[in-house]
Amino acid sequence: MTVLPLADIQVARDRCAPYVVETPLVGSPRLSEELGTDVCLKLEYRQTTGSFKPRGAVNSILALDTEARAGGVCGASGGNFAIGLAYAASRLGVDALLFMPEQTPASYLEATEAYGAAIHLTPDVTSAFTAAEEATTNGRAFLRPFDGAPMITGNGALGLELLDQGPATTDVVVSIGGGGLYAGIASALAANRPDIRVWTVETAGADVLGQSLAAGRPVEIVPTSHAHTLGAPSLAEAAWSMATSGTPVGAGHTVVTDTEALVCALRLREELGDLVELAASSTLAAARRLRDRLGEHVVLIMCGNNLAEEELAWLRTELGV
């Protein structure tokens, strides 16, 4: 099993501290009653830019040498990573170019531009990754949104926070796009509390792990889910390794529908007073399916809230919720 070193995760936590915030872990009595176990929510959507993405983006830029930083960075994303990388580059004084699919919601484009990044639109997410690869010929460093050791160890700091805040945790439910958040959290937990079970979830149409598990090998997909922040075409190698390890950090995988995730987003807004995106609410949808298998102290990772009200209204009409 590929586990990122605990020492590297701690280094990432320390050096990224000036640029990211420690997000709260809060209890939820009503969800605890519903699921029949103690439920806490890790409110990572209160992170800078509204998602966990600055953790890995900041750490990845800090891991570059001076010459590489001078050449600028590029990335491919139709969601939170674009905003996170733009923020990180702005804070660290590095030029950033983002390749984003034409279907990207306007709110994501505006937020990315607000941090000073240049944007180039592409027909889809696959062509965005291709264009970012090609941009490296001009001296830019391509930072993948979910892969690479600095990206994953940066995300792993969230796992260390979780352990500090919830030492009694028995189970964690986290969504998977390309698997960088999952791999980071799982690495931190495996090194400190290997008994904690980590459950993964995707939405149908963004189920690169689900389809890979069915095929018995990593595959690439063309994402079709409305949970666009889960829309990765491929999977981080470390995520595949952990998900198939047969250890507690690969406890099990669930694929839920967009409708289930949307219903849970509305339920979480009642609970939190905030609107989280489908990538976050899918963890509650998974927990509802897993309720008979979960332990005594469950943490759901609320990974982001970059879902505009107008997009919510469209989703409710589209999905009939």
Protein backbone atom coordinates (compact mmCIF):
# COMPACT_ATOMS: atom_id res chain seq x y z
CA MET A 1 0.00 0.00 0.00
CA THR A 2 1.29 3.46 -0.92
CA VAL A 3 1.19 5.65 2.19
CA LEU A 4 2.71 9.12 2.20
CA PRO A 5 5.26 9.63 5.03
CA LEU A 6 3.93 11.14 8.23
CA ALA A 7 7.01 13.37 8.47
CA ASP A 8 6.19 14.90 5.08
CA ILE A 9 2.59 15.54 6.13
CA GLN A 10 3.79 17.29 9.29
CA VAL A 11 6.22 19.43 7.26
CA ALA A 12 3.37 20.36 4.94
CA ARG A 13 1.15 21.28 7.88
CA ASP A 14 3.80 23.50 9.41
CA ARG A 15 4.90 25.35 6.29
CA CYS A 16 1.38 25.88 4.95
CA ALA A 17 0.06 27.21 8.27
CA PRO A 18 0.44 30.90 7.32
CA TYR A 19 -1.68 30.39 4.19
CA VAL A 20 -4.52 28.07 5.27
CA VAL A 21 -6.82 27.85 8.28
CA GLU A 22 -7.62 25.05 10.70
CA THR A 23 -11.26 24.21 10.07
CA PRO A 24 -13.69 23.22 12.83
CA LEU A 25 -15.02 19.77 13.69
CA VAL A 26 -18.58 20.11 15.00
CA GLY A 27 -21.03 17.63 16.45
CA SER A 28 -24.48 17.11 14.96
CA PRO A 29 -27.05 15.81 17.45
CA ARG A 30 -29.80 15.57 14.82
CA LEU A 31 -27.69 13.63 12.32
CA SER A 32 -26.44 11.46 15.18
CA GLU A 33 -30.03 10.60 16.05
CA GLU A 34 -30.86 9.92 12.39
CA LEU A 35 -27.88 7.61 11.82
CA GLY A 36 -27.87 5.99 15.24
CA THR A 37 -24.27 6.90 16.02
CA ASP A 38 -22.22 9.94 17.03
CA VAL A 39 -21.77 12.12 13.94
CA CYS A 40 -19.37 15.04 13.55
CA LEU A 41 -18.85 17.24 10.51
CA LYS A 42 -15.40 18.48 9.49
CA LEU A 43 -16.26 21.90 8.06
CA GLU A 44 -13.51 22.12 5.46
CA TYR A 45 -15.70 24.39 3.35
CA ARG A 46 -14.70 27.12 5.80
CA GLN A 47 -11.19 26.82 4.42
CA THR A 48 -9.83 29.72 2.39
CA THR A 49 -11.58 29.74 -1.04
CA GLY A 50 -14.39 27.51 0.22
CA SER A 51 -12.75 24.10 -0.17
CA PHE A 52 -9.77 21.99 0.90
CA LYS A 53 -7.86 22.69 -2.31
CA PRO A 54 -5.51 25.45 -1.04
CA ARG A 55 -3.85 22.91 1.27
CA GLY A 56 -2.32 20.88 -1.54
CA ALA A 57 -1.88 23.82 -3.89
CA VAL A 58 0.11 25.89 -1.39
CA ASN A 59 2.27 22.93 -0.42
CA SER A 60 2.94 22.05 -4.06
CA ILE A 61 4.14 25.55 -4.90
CA LEU A 62 6.28 25.71 -1.75
CA ALA A 63 7.87 22.41 -2.82
CA LEU A 64 9.07 23.95 -6.11
CA ASP A 65 12.56 25.40 -6.32
CA THR A 66 13.13 29.08 -7.09
CA GLU A 67 13.68 28.49 -10.81
CA ALA A 68 10.49 26.46 -11.17
CA ARG A 69 8.44 29.09 -9.35
CA ALA A 70 9.83 31.77 -11.64
CA GLY A 71 8.50 29.85 -14.65
CA GLY A 72 4.97 29.94 -13.27
CA VAL A 73 2.47 27.16 -12.65
CA CYS A 74 -0.46 25.78 -14.58
CA GLY A 75 -3.35 23.51 -13.75
CA ALA A 76 -6.48 21.91 -15.16
CA SER A 77 -9.76 22.08 -13.29
CA GLY A 78 -13.45 22.71 -13.69
CA GLY A 79 -13.90 23.36 -10.02
CA ASN A 80 -12.30 24.08 -6.69
CA PHE A 81 -8.70 23.36 -7.61
CA ALA A 82 -8.69 26.24 -10.08
CA ILE A 83 -9.68 28.64 -7.31
CA GLY A 84 -7.32 27.02 -4.82
CA LEU A 85 -4.33 27.16 -7.14
CA ALA A 86 -5.10 30.75 -8.14
CA TYR A 87 -5.22 31.69 -4.45
CA ALA A 88 -1.99 29.86 -3.64
CA ALA A 89 -0.14 31.42 -6.56
CA SER A 90 -1.38 34.87 -5.62
CA ARG A 91 -0.26 34.52 -2.00
CA LEU A 92 3.15 33.17 -3.03
CA GLY A 93 3.81 35.60 -5.87
CA VAL A 94 3.76 33.02 -8.66
CA ASP A 95 2.15 33.43 -12.09
CA ALA A 96 -0.72 30.98 -12.67
CA LEU A 97 -2.50 29.75 -15.80
CA LEU A 98 -5.63 27.61 -15.46
CA PHE A 99 -7.17 25.49 -18.19
CA MET A 100 -10.88 25.12 -17.49
CA PRO A 101 -13.72 23.38 -19.37
CA GLU A 102 -16.20 25.61 -21.18
CA GLN A 103 -18.99 24.17 -19.01
CA THR A 104 -17.41 25.53 -15.82
CA PRO A 105 -19.96 27.55 -13.80
CA ALA A 106 -19.45 31.30 -14.00
CA SER A 107 -18.92 31.53 -10.24
CA TYR A 108 -15.79 29.37 -10.51
CA LEU A 109 -14.39 31.38 -13.40
CA GLU A 110 -14.99 34.65 -11.57
CA ALA A 111 -13.41 33.40 -8.35
CA THR A 112 -10.35 32.11 -10.20
CA GLU A 113 -9.88 35.39 -12.06
CA ALA A 114 -10.34 37.35 -8.84
CA TYR A 115 -7.05 35.89 -7.56
CA GLY A 116 -5.24 37.08 -10.67
CA ALA A 117 -4.88 33.81 -12.57
CA ALA A 118 -5.14 33.68 -16.35
CA ILE A 119 -7.82 31.33 -17.72
CA HIS A 120 -7.91 29.41 -20.99
CA LEU A 121 -11.17 27.60 -21.78
CA THR A 122 -11.15 24.15 -23.36
CA PRO A 123 -13.97 21.95 -24.76
CA ASP A 124 -13.95 19.55 -21.79
CA VAL A 125 -11.97 18.40 -18.77
CA THR A 126 -9.89 15.91 -20.76
CA SER A 127 -8.69 18.60 -23.16
CA ALA A 128 -7.97 20.86 -20.19
CA PHE A 129 -5.49 18.31 -18.83
CA THR A 130 -3.94 17.89 -22.28
CA ALA A 131 -3.50 21.64 -22.65
CA ALA A 132 -1.92 21.92 -19.21
CA GLU A 133 0.56 19.18 -20.09
CA GLU A 134 1.48 21.07 -23.26
CA ALA A 135 1.99 24.30 -21.30
CA THR A 136 4.97 22.72 -19.53
CA THR A 137 6.95 23.15 -22.77
CA ASN A 138 6.89 26.87 -22.03
CA GLY A 139 8.54 26.35 -18.66
CA ARG A 140 5.47 26.14 -16.44
CA ALA A 141 5.14 23.57 -13.69
CA PHE A 142 1.97 21.52 -14.12
CA LEU A 143 0.36 20.94 -10.72
CA ARG A 144 -2.19 18.15 -10.95
CA PRO A 145 -5.28 18.73 -8.83
CA PHE A 146 -5.18 15.38 -7.03
CA ASP A 147 -1.82 13.72 -7.68
CA GLY A 148 1.80 14.21 -6.68
CA ALA A 149 3.33 13.80 -3.23
CA PRO A 150 3.26 17.51 -2.24
CA MET A 151 -0.40 17.79 -3.24
CA ILE A 152 -1.38 14.74 -1.22
CA THR A 153 0.74 15.53 1.85
CA GLY A 154 -0.69 19.05 1.87
CA ASN A 155 -4.15 17.52 2.02
CA GLY A 156 -2.94 15.13 4.70
CA ALA A 157 -2.70 17.99 7.17
CA LEU A 158 -6.49 17.83 7.35
CA GLY A 159 -6.15 14.31 8.69
CA LEU A 160 -3.80 15.48 11.44
CA GLU A 161 -6.27 18.22 12.38
CA LEU A 162 -9.05 15.67 12.54
CA LEU A 163 -7.06 13.50 14.94
CA ASP A 164 -6.34 16.48 17.19
CA GLN A 165 -9.99 17.54 17.23
CA GLY A 166 -11.68 14.13 17.33
CA PRO A 167 -9.39 11.60 19.02
CA ALA A 168 -12.27 9.15 19.53
CA THR A 169 -13.05 8.93 15.80
CA THR A 170 -13.80 5.41 14.55
CA ASP A 171 -14.90 6.10 10.97
CA VAL A 172 -14.34 8.80 8.33
CA VAL A 173 -16.44 9.25 5.20
CA VAL A 174 -14.79 11.24 2.39
CA SER A 175 -15.69 11.82 -1.24
CA ILE A 176 -13.32 11.06 -4.10
CA GLY A 177 -12.67 13.12 -7.21
CA GLY A 178 -9.19 12.07 -8.23
CA GLY A 179 -8.46 10.83 -4.72
CA GLY A 180 -5.93 13.38 -3.49
CA LEU A 181 -7.93 14.36 -0.41
CA TYR A 182 -8.70 10.75 0.44
CA ALA A 183 -5.06 9.68 0.00
CA GLY A 184 -3.84 12.51 2.21
CA ILE A 185 -6.32 11.87 5.02
CA ALA A 186 -5.79 8.11 4.80
CA SER A 187 -2.01 8.50 4.99
CA ALA A 188 -2.27 10.63 8.14
CA LEU A 189 -4.69 8.20 9.78
CA ALA A 190 -2.77 5.06 8.78
CA ALA A 191 0.38 6.44 10.43
CA ASN A 192 -1.32 7.50 13.66
CA ARG A 193 -4.53 5.52 14.08
CA PRO A 194 -4.52 2.55 11.70
CA ASP A 195 -7.73 1.28 13.30
CA ILE A 196 -9.83 4.14 11.93
CA ARG A 197 -11.90 3.06 8.96
CA VAL A 198 -12.08 5.34 5.93
CA TRP A 199 -15.10 4.99 3.64
CA THR A 200 -15.06 6.58 0.19
CA VAL A 201 -17.96 7.85 -1.89
CA GLU A 202 -18.54 9.12 -5.42
CA THR A 203 -21.59 10.14 -7.40
CA ALA A 204 -22.64 8.08 -10.42
CA GLY A 205 -21.06 9.63 -13.49
CA ALA A 206 -18.05 10.79 -11.46
CA ASP A 207 -17.23 7.29 -10.24
CA VAL A 208 -13.70 6.80 -11.49
CA LEU A 209 -12.88 4.69 -8.42
CA GLY A 210 -16.12 2.76 -8.68
CA GLN A 211 -15.51 1.91 -12.32
CA SER A 212 -11.87 1.09 -11.59
CA LEU A 213 -12.88 -1.31 -8.82
CA ALA A 214 -15.34 -2.97 -11.19
CA ALA A 215 -12.62 -3.34 -13.84
CA GLY A 216 -10.02 -4.54 -11.36
CA ARG A 217 -7.58 -1.85 -12.49
CA PRO A 218 -7.42 1.96 -12.72
CA VAL A 219 -9.44 3.28 -15.66
CA GLU A 220 -10.15 6.69 -17.13
CA ILE A 221 -13.68 8.05 -17.48
CA VAL A 222 -15.53 10.95 -19.07
CA PRO A 223 -17.36 12.52 -16.10
CA THR A 224 -21.10 13.15 -16.50
CA SER A 225 -22.22 13.77 -12.91
CA HIS A 226 -23.70 17.09 -11.83
CA ALA A 227 -21.23 16.95 -8.93
CA HIS A 228 -18.67 18.68 -11.11
CA THR A 229 -16.10 19.07 -8.34
CA LEU A 230 -15.84 15.26 -8.34
CA GLY A 231 -15.32 15.18 -12.11
CA ALA A 232 -11.79 13.79 -12.38
CA PRO A 233 -11.03 11.65 -15.44
CA SER A 234 -8.48 9.50 -13.62
CA LEU A 235 -7.36 8.44 -10.16
CA ALA A 236 -4.26 9.14 -8.08
CA GLU A 237 -2.10 6.02 -7.79
CA ALA A 238 -1.93 6.40 -4.01
CA ALA A 239 -5.72 6.52 -3.79
CA TRP A 240 -6.07 3.31 -5.81
CA SER A 241 -3.45 1.62 -3.63
CA MET A 242 -5.21 2.55 -0.39
CA ALA A 243 -8.73 1.82 -1.63
CA THR A 244 -7.70 -1.71 -2.62
CA SER A 245 -5.41 -2.37 0.36
CA GLY A 246 -7.82 -4.45 2.41
CA THR A 247 -6.89 -2.32 5.44
CA PRO A 248 -9.17 -0.02 7.47
CA VAL A 249 -8.27 3.02 5.31
CA GLY A 250 -9.85 1.13 2.42
CA ALA A 251 -12.94 0.11 4.37
CA GLY A 252 -15.35 0.31 1.46
CA HIS A 253 -16.66 2.36 -1.43
CA THR A 254 -20.16 3.65 -2.20
CA VAL A 255 -21.57 5.23 -5.36
CA VAL A 256 -24.62 7.43 -4.76
CA THR A 257 -26.84 9.28 -7.20
CA ASP A 258 -26.77 13.00 -7.88
CA THR A 259 -30.31 13.11 -6.50
CA GLU A 260 -29.25 11.53 -3.20
CA ALA A 261 -26.40 14.03 -2.91
CA LEU A 262 -28.71 16.96 -3.65
CA VAL A 263 -31.28 15.83 -1.09
CA CYS A 264 -28.47 15.61 1.46
CA ALA A 265 -27.17 19.07 0.51
CA LEU A 266 -30.59 20.48 1.36
CA ARG A 267 -30.63 18.50 4.62
CA LEU A 268 -27.18 19.81 5.54
CA ARG A 269 -28.26 23.38 4.86
CA GLU A 270 -30.97 22.89 7.48
CA GLU A 271 -28.32 21.55 9.85
CA LEU A 272 -25.49 24.01 9.19
CA GLY A 273 -27.20 27.08 7.77
CA ASP A 274 -24.74 26.81 4.87
CA LEU A 275 -25.07 25.34 1.39
CA VAL A 276 -22.42 22.70 0.70
CA GLU A 277 -21.65 21.27 -2.72
CA LEU A 278 -22.61 17.77 -3.84
CA ALA A 279 -19.07 16.47 -3.27
CA ALA A 280 -19.55 17.27 0.43
CA SER A 281 -23.16 16.18 0.81
CA SER A 282 -22.45 12.85 -0.87
CA THR A 283 -20.73 11.80 2.37
CA LEU A 284 -24.05 12.03 4.20
CA ALA A 285 -25.72 10.10 1.39
CA ALA A 286 -23.10 7.37 1.80
CA ALA A 287 -23.45 7.36 5.60
CA ARG A 288 -27.18 6.80 5.23
CA ARG A 289 -26.46 3.69 3.18
CA LEU A 290 -23.71 2.56 5.57
CA ARG A 291 -25.49 3.25 8.85
CA ASP A 292 -25.50 -0.41 9.93
CA ARG A 293 -21.75 -0.72 9.32
CA LEU A 294 -20.46 2.45 10.95
CA GLY A 295 -18.73 2.62 14.32
CA GLU A 296 -19.44 4.79 17.35
CA HIS A 297 -17.85 8.08 16.25
CA VAL A 298 -18.22 9.06 12.59
CA VAL A 299 -16.74 12.08 10.82
CA LEU A 300 -18.16 13.32 7.51
CA ILE A 301 -15.78 15.52 5.51
CA MET A 302 -17.56 18.66 4.26
CA CYS A 303 -14.96 19.34 1.58
CA GLY A 304 -16.41 22.43 -0.11
CA ASN A 305 -19.34 24.82 -0.52
CA ASN A 306 -18.77 26.44 -3.90
CA LEU A 307 -22.34 25.87 -5.08
CA ALA A 308 -24.13 29.04 -6.16
CA GLU A 309 -27.83 29.52 -5.40
CA GLU A 310 -28.65 29.76 -9.11
CA GLU A 311 -26.88 26.46 -9.72
CA LEU A 312 -28.82 24.92 -6.83
CA ALA A 313 -32.09 26.11 -8.36
CA TRP A 314 -31.11 24.60 -11.72
CA LEU A 315 -30.16 21.31 -10.08
CA ARG A 316 -33.46 21.10 -8.23
CA THR A 317 -35.34 21.57 -11.48
CA GLU A 318 -33.10 19.18 -13.41
CA LEU A 319 -33.29 16.43 -10.78
CA GLY A 320 -36.85 17.06 -9.63
CA VAL A 321 -35.96 17.65 -5.99
